[in-house]
Amino acid sequence: MIVVMVACGSEDEAQHIARLLVEAHLAACVNIIPIRSLFEWDGKIEDQSERLLLIKSMKSRFDQIRDMVKANHSYELPEITAMDIASASEEYADWIKTVCGLGK
């Protein structure tokens, strides 16, 4: 199981990408969280309001998630990072596998 993080520039973009991922069974659940990001871009420090997607999925789905995000994201270089989940309740992990089409 993994959680993929993607920062989006707007609520609309975040909802669009989240819905695509869930409808395609690439994610079992996507949380959309308002965040503020500070980063360097083109030699300048940027300070922006964004939406962070926390995408709950399986490691075997990462490449498809990455490709779908890239195809639908407005940023030239979107953040697409993933963390392995070391532990989860068995029931929750089974639900993620089932929703993502990987069975139990």
Protein backbone atom coordinates (compact mmCIF):
# COMPACT_ATOMS: atom_id res chain seq x y z
CA MET A 1 0.00 0.00 0.00
CA ILE A 2 1.17 3.54 -0.77
CA VAL A 3 0.09 7.14 -0.30
CA VAL A 4 0.89 9.31 -3.31
CA MET A 5 1.15 13.06 -2.74
CA VAL A 6 0.32 15.56 -5.47
CA ALA A 7 0.09 19.34 -5.00
CA CYS A 8 -2.50 21.07 -7.22
CA GLY A 9 -2.89 24.75 -8.01
CA SER A 10 -6.65 24.93 -7.46
CA GLU A 11 -9.59 23.17 -5.83
CA ASP A 12 -11.11 22.47 -9.25
CA GLU A 13 -7.93 20.82 -10.53
CA ALA A 14 -7.59 18.77 -7.33
CA GLN A 15 -11.19 17.55 -7.53
CA HIS A 16 -10.84 16.72 -11.23
CA ILE A 17 -7.68 14.63 -10.76
CA ALA A 18 -9.02 12.94 -7.62
CA ARG A 19 -12.25 11.94 -9.38
CA LEU A 20 -10.35 10.57 -12.40
CA LEU A 21 -8.15 8.41 -10.16
CA VAL A 22 -11.05 7.01 -8.13
CA GLU A 23 -13.24 6.39 -11.19
CA ALA A 24 -10.35 4.52 -12.87
CA HIS A 25 -9.86 2.37 -9.72
CA LEU A 26 -6.29 3.64 -9.45
CA ALA A 27 -7.07 5.02 -5.99
CA ALA A 28 -9.43 3.79 -3.31
CA CYS A 29 -9.61 7.21 -1.66
CA VAL A 30 -8.18 10.68 -2.26
CA ASN A 31 -8.07 13.35 0.45
CA ILE A 32 -7.95 16.98 -0.70
CA ILE A 33 -6.24 19.23 1.84
CA PRO A 34 -5.69 23.02 1.62
CA ILE A 35 -1.98 23.82 2.02
CA ARG A 36 0.45 26.70 1.62
CA SER A 37 3.68 25.93 -0.24
CA LEU A 38 6.95 27.85 -0.34
CA PHE A 39 9.42 26.78 -3.00
CA GLU A 40 12.02 28.06 -5.44
CA TRP A 41 11.00 28.22 -9.10
CA ASP A 42 12.96 29.94 -11.89
CA GLY A 43 15.26 31.58 -9.34
CA LYS A 44 12.41 33.11 -7.29
CA ILE A 45 10.86 32.09 -3.99
CA GLU A 46 7.19 31.32 -4.58
CA ASP A 47 4.50 31.35 -1.88
CA GLN A 48 1.26 29.75 -3.06
CA SER A 49 -2.00 28.34 -1.79
CA GLU A 50 -2.43 24.83 -3.17
CA ARG A 51 -4.42 21.66 -2.59
CA LEU A 52 -2.58 18.50 -1.56
CA LEU A 53 -3.95 15.20 -2.80
CA LEU A 54 -3.29 12.21 -0.53
CA ILE A 55 -3.95 9.29 -2.86
CA LYS A 56 -4.43 5.88 -1.19
CA SER A 57 -3.49 3.06 -3.55
CA MET A 58 -1.25 0.08 -4.20
CA LYS A 59 2.40 0.26 -5.23
CA SER A 60 1.65 -1.60 -8.47
CA ARG A 61 -0.62 1.30 -9.52
CA PHE A 62 2.01 4.06 -9.10
CA ASP A 63 3.06 4.29 -12.77
CA GLN A 64 -0.57 4.60 -13.91
CA ILE A 65 -1.27 7.22 -11.23
CA ARG A 66 1.82 9.19 -12.27
CA ASP A 67 0.82 9.10 -15.93
CA MET A 68 -2.77 10.17 -15.24
CA VAL A 69 -1.64 13.03 -13.00
CA LYS A 70 0.88 14.26 -15.60
CA ALA A 71 -1.75 14.12 -18.36
CA ASN A 72 -4.25 16.20 -16.34
CA HIS A 73 -2.09 18.56 -14.26
CA SER A 74 -1.53 22.24 -15.05
CA TYR A 75 2.00 22.42 -13.60
CA GLU A 76 5.06 22.02 -15.80
CA LEU A 77 6.64 19.90 -13.04
CA PRO A 78 3.98 18.52 -10.68
CA GLU A 79 4.94 16.97 -7.37
CA ILE A 80 4.23 13.25 -7.62
CA THR A 81 5.81 11.44 -4.68
CA ALA A 82 4.87 8.24 -2.90
CA MET A 83 5.40 6.77 0.55
CA ASP A 84 5.13 3.10 1.40
CA ILE A 85 2.71 2.37 4.23
CA ALA A 86 4.47 0.15 6.77
CA SER A 87 1.32 -0.84 8.66
CA ALA A 88 -2.44 -0.57 8.29
CA SER A 89 -5.43 -2.40 9.65
CA GLU A 90 -6.01 -5.59 7.71
CA GLU A 91 -9.55 -4.53 6.84
CA TYR A 92 -8.45 -1.16 5.46
CA ALA A 93 -5.62 -2.71 3.43
CA ASP A 94 -8.05 -5.30 2.01
CA TRP A 95 -10.47 -2.52 1.06
CA ILE A 96 -7.71 -0.62 -0.79
CA LYS A 97 -6.73 -3.79 -2.68
CA THR A 98 -10.34 -4.57 -3.58
CA VAL A 99 -11.18 -1.07 -4.80
CA CYS A 100 -7.96 -0.89 -6.82
CA GLY A 101 -8.87 -4.17 -8.52
CA LEU A 102 -6.24 -6.34 -6.89
CA GLY A 103 -8.49 -8.55 -4.77
CA LYS A 104 -7.49 -9.57 -1.26
